[in-house]
Protein backbone atom coordinates (compact mmCIF):
# COMPACT_ATOMS: atom_id res chain seq x y z
CA UNK A 1 133.54 51.74 121.48
CA UNK A 2 133.06 55.07 119.97
CA UNK A 3 130.47 58.03 120.11
CA UNK A 4 129.87 57.57 116.33
CA UNK A 5 128.71 54.05 117.26
CA UNK A 6 126.47 55.04 120.16
CA UNK A 7 124.96 57.62 117.68
CA UNK A 8 124.41 54.85 115.12
CA UNK A 9 122.69 52.64 117.74
CA UNK A 10 120.36 55.50 118.68
CA UNK A 11 119.59 56.31 114.96
CA UNK A 12 118.34 52.50 114.75
CA UNK A 13 116.23 53.03 117.75
CA UNK A 14 118.43 51.00 119.94
CA UNK A 15 118.51 52.51 123.46
CA UNK A 16 120.14 50.71 126.32
CA UNK A 17 118.48 50.37 129.68
CA UNK A 18 121.79 50.03 131.63
CA UNK A 19 125.33 51.43 131.02
CA UNK A 20 128.18 49.92 133.11
CA UNK A 21 131.55 51.76 133.30
CA UNK A 22 134.05 49.43 135.09
CA UNK A 23 136.79 51.73 136.40
CA UNK A 24 140.22 50.21 136.72
CA UNK A 25 143.49 52.30 136.77
CA UNK A 26 145.55 52.03 133.59
CA UNK A 27 148.46 50.50 135.13
CA UNK A 28 146.39 47.76 136.68
CA UNK A 29 144.80 46.96 133.30
CA UNK A 30 148.31 46.62 131.69
CA UNK A 31 149.26 44.22 134.56
CA UNK A 32 145.97 41.97 134.21
CA UNK A 33 146.70 41.91 130.28
CA UNK A 34 150.30 41.00 130.13
CA UNK A 35 150.05 38.30 132.74
CA UNK A 36 146.99 36.54 130.94
CA UNK A 37 147.77 33.05 129.66
CA UNK A 38 145.53 30.44 127.88
CA UNK A 39 145.69 26.64 128.23
CA UNK A 40 145.12 25.35 124.47
CA UNK A 41 144.06 22.00 125.78
CA UNK A 42 141.28 22.91 128.11
CA UNK A 43 140.68 26.59 127.00
CA UNK A 44 141.07 27.92 130.44
CA UNK A 45 142.42 31.36 130.96
CA UNK A 46 144.98 31.94 133.85
CA UNK A 47 146.88 34.97 135.16
CA UNK A 48 150.53 34.33 136.16
CA UNK A 49 150.04 36.22 139.47
CA UNK A 50 146.24 36.70 140.13
CA UNK A 51 145.26 33.26 139.09
CA UNK A 52 148.36 31.15 138.74
CA UNK A 53 148.16 27.88 136.64
CA UNK A 54 149.31 24.43 137.86
CA UNK A 55 153.06 23.97 137.49
CA UNK A 56 152.68 20.93 135.37
CA UNK A 57 150.95 22.98 132.45
CA UNK A 58 153.21 25.85 132.42
CA UNK A 59 155.04 24.61 129.23
CA UNK A 60 152.10 24.34 127.10
CA UNK A 61 150.45 27.80 127.90
CA UNK A 62 150.08 30.45 125.16
CA UNK A 63 149.89 34.17 125.12
CA UNK A 64 147.77 36.20 122.80
CA UNK A 65 149.91 38.24 120.35
CA UNK A 66 148.19 41.47 121.62
CA UNK A 67 148.54 40.75 125.31
CA UNK A 68 151.49 43.04 125.59
CA UNK A 69 152.07 46.14 127.38
CA UNK A 70 152.68 48.14 124.11
CA UNK A 71 149.26 46.83 122.57
CA UNK A 72 147.35 47.28 125.74
CA UNK A 73 148.91 51.01 126.04
CA UNK A 74 147.42 51.76 122.50
CA UNK A 75 143.93 50.37 123.45
CA UNK A 76 143.92 52.38 126.68
CA UNK A 77 144.81 55.47 124.69
CA UNK A 78 141.97 54.88 122.44
CA UNK A 79 139.51 54.25 125.21
CA UNK A 80 140.31 57.57 126.93
CA UNK A 81 139.97 59.30 123.57
CA UNK A 82 136.34 57.85 123.13
CA UNK A 83 134.87 57.28 126.57
CA UNK A 84 133.71 60.84 127.15
CA UNK A 85 131.67 60.96 124.01
CA UNK A 86 130.12 57.57 124.77
CA UNK A 87 129.21 58.65 128.24
CA UNK A 88 127.41 61.69 126.80
CA UNK A 89 124.84 59.43 125.06
CA UNK A 90 124.29 57.07 128.22
CA UNK A 91 124.99 59.10 131.43
CA UNK A 92 121.24 58.96 132.33
CA UNK A 93 121.31 55.13 132.39
CA UNK A 94 124.98 54.81 133.55
CA UNK A 95 126.74 53.59 136.67
CA UNK A 96 130.46 53.75 137.37
CA UNK A 97 131.74 50.73 139.21
CA UNK A 98 134.91 50.24 141.08
CA UNK A 99 136.77 47.33 139.26
CA UNK A 100 139.37 46.95 141.99
CA UNK A 101 137.30 45.13 144.47
CA UNK A 102 136.55 41.35 144.96
CA UNK A 103 135.00 39.98 141.88
CA UNK A 104 131.96 38.75 143.87
CA UNK A 105 131.42 42.33 145.27
CA UNK A 106 131.54 43.68 141.69
CA UNK A 107 129.20 40.93 140.42
CA UNK A 108 126.75 41.86 143.11
CA UNK A 109 126.74 45.60 142.45
CA UNK A 110 126.23 45.00 138.77
CA UNK A 111 123.32 42.63 139.47
CA UNK A 112 121.63 45.14 141.71
CA UNK A 113 122.08 47.90 139.29
CA UNK A 114 120.52 45.84 136.43
CA UNK A 115 117.59 44.68 138.83
CA UNK A 116 116.96 48.42 139.71
CA UNK A 117 117.95 48.04 143.43
CA UNK A 118 120.52 50.87 143.21
CA UNK A 119 120.41 54.08 140.91
CA UNK A 120 122.47 55.34 138.00
CA UNK A 121 125.57 57.08 139.46
CA UNK A 122 128.79 58.11 137.88
CA UNK A 123 130.66 59.10 141.04
CA UNK A 124 132.25 55.49 141.49
CA UNK A 125 131.25 55.37 145.05
CA UNK A 126 130.08 51.84 146.49
CA UNK A 127 126.30 51.70 146.72
CA UNK A 128 124.69 52.14 150.09
CA UNK A 129 123.75 48.97 151.97
CA UNK A 130 119.94 48.19 151.54
CA UNK A 131 117.58 49.60 154.17
CA UNK A 132 116.48 46.95 156.58
CA UNK A 133 113.04 45.76 156.67
CA UNK A 134 110.63 47.28 159.24
CA UNK A 135 110.64 44.17 161.30
CA UNK A 136 114.49 43.78 161.18
CA UNK A 137 114.71 47.65 162.24
CA UNK A 138 112.25 47.07 165.13
CA UNK A 139 114.12 44.08 166.34
CA UNK A 140 117.36 46.05 166.32
CA UNK A 141 115.97 48.94 168.37
CA UNK A 142 114.46 46.63 170.98
CA UNK A 143 117.73 44.61 171.32
CA UNK A 144 120.14 47.40 171.03
CA UNK A 145 118.69 50.93 171.66
CA UNK A 146 115.98 50.40 174.10
CA UNK A 147 117.95 48.78 176.93
CA UNK A 148 120.73 51.55 176.51
CA UNK A 149 118.03 54.27 176.68
CA UNK A 150 116.54 52.67 179.88
CA UNK A 151 119.72 52.71 181.50
CA UNK A 152 120.52 56.40 180.54
CA UNK A 153 117.14 57.50 181.81
CA UNK A 154 117.60 55.50 185.12
CA UNK A 155 120.78 57.05 185.71
CA UNK A 156 119.38 60.53 185.09
CA UNK A 157 116.49 59.89 187.50
CA UNK A 158 118.87 58.82 190.16
CA UNK A 159 121.31 61.68 189.72
CA UNK A 160 118.74 64.41 189.45
CA UNK A 161 121.25 67.00 187.97
CA UNK A 162 120.67 70.52 187.51
CA UNK A 163 121.54 70.26 183.79
CA UNK A 164 119.53 67.09 182.76
CA UNK A 165 120.18 67.36 178.97
CA UNK A 166 124.01 67.86 179.40
CA UNK A 167 124.14 65.07 182.11
CA UNK A 168 122.22 62.71 179.66
CA UNK A 169 124.33 63.57 176.76
CA UNK A 170 127.53 63.02 178.56
CA UNK A 171 126.37 59.76 180.17
CA UNK A 172 125.29 58.41 176.67
CA UNK A 173 128.89 59.32 175.31
CA UNK A 174 130.69 57.87 178.17
CA UNK A 175 128.79 54.49 178.07
CA UNK A 176 128.30 54.21 174.45
CA UNK A 177 130.03 50.92 173.28
CA UNK A 178 131.13 52.59 170.10
CA UNK A 179 133.12 55.08 172.09
CA UNK A 180 132.19 58.32 170.10
CA UNK A 181 134.23 61.24 170.50
CA UNK A 182 133.02 64.73 170.33
CA UNK A 183 135.95 67.25 169.75
CA UNK A 184 137.72 65.05 172.42
CA UNK A 185 135.65 66.86 175.16
CA UNK A 186 132.40 66.24 177.12
CA UNK A 187 129.25 68.11 176.00
CA UNK A 188 129.28 71.50 177.44
CA UNK A 189 126.65 72.70 179.62
CA UNK A 190 124.11 74.46 177.48
CA UNK A 191 121.20 76.66 178.75
CA UNK A 192 118.12 74.41 179.26
CA UNK A 193 115.43 75.03 176.63
CA UNK A 194 112.70 77.39 177.75
CA UNK A 195 109.19 76.33 177.01
CA UNK A 196 106.79 79.30 176.74
CA UNK A 197 107.30 82.99 176.10
CA UNK A 198 110.57 84.79 177.18
CA UNK A 199 109.80 86.94 180.22
CA UNK A 200 110.86 90.25 178.44
CA UNK A 201 108.53 89.43 175.64
CA UNK A 202 105.57 88.64 178.17
CA UNK A 203 106.13 91.83 179.81
CA UNK A 204 105.80 93.69 176.63
């Protein structure tokens, strides 16, 4: 919980392989804390709004003495006073994880981090989706890109425009199912690329 504890662990040769910082706004932490209730019969933990208990056990639910806004506020202040010094020791093995998402999504990201599938990152951004396998990429290209490119090149061959590159770019924009927009306008006619040396340079 403190930099001193992190230093003591380091002095004993204890070096963590992964450090997870689960980031949640202070006000959400307070809400999660004060709404927590425990069923003394089953030991199950509920939350009055996020995981409501059955109506027939409400009367027997208990609340921890430190599950109050005041007590949680003190713990949050202590956390903010110490977290920077702790991160100093573990930043090279740390990942900040957004704790406001669905629990399955959070659990998946933690698992991928521990397994080494995603890197250390203290930005708090969600991880990129894993790259597809070569076979999956090839199937996607064959099913989605190749037919579209064939149609575009067929239209180009039929039209025989003076500016083939501009024609091809505008055709692909207009017929793309994702409806991309480039500054709200069509692609402007650009000079066609010249292959070979410039005439002036050649004359020199």
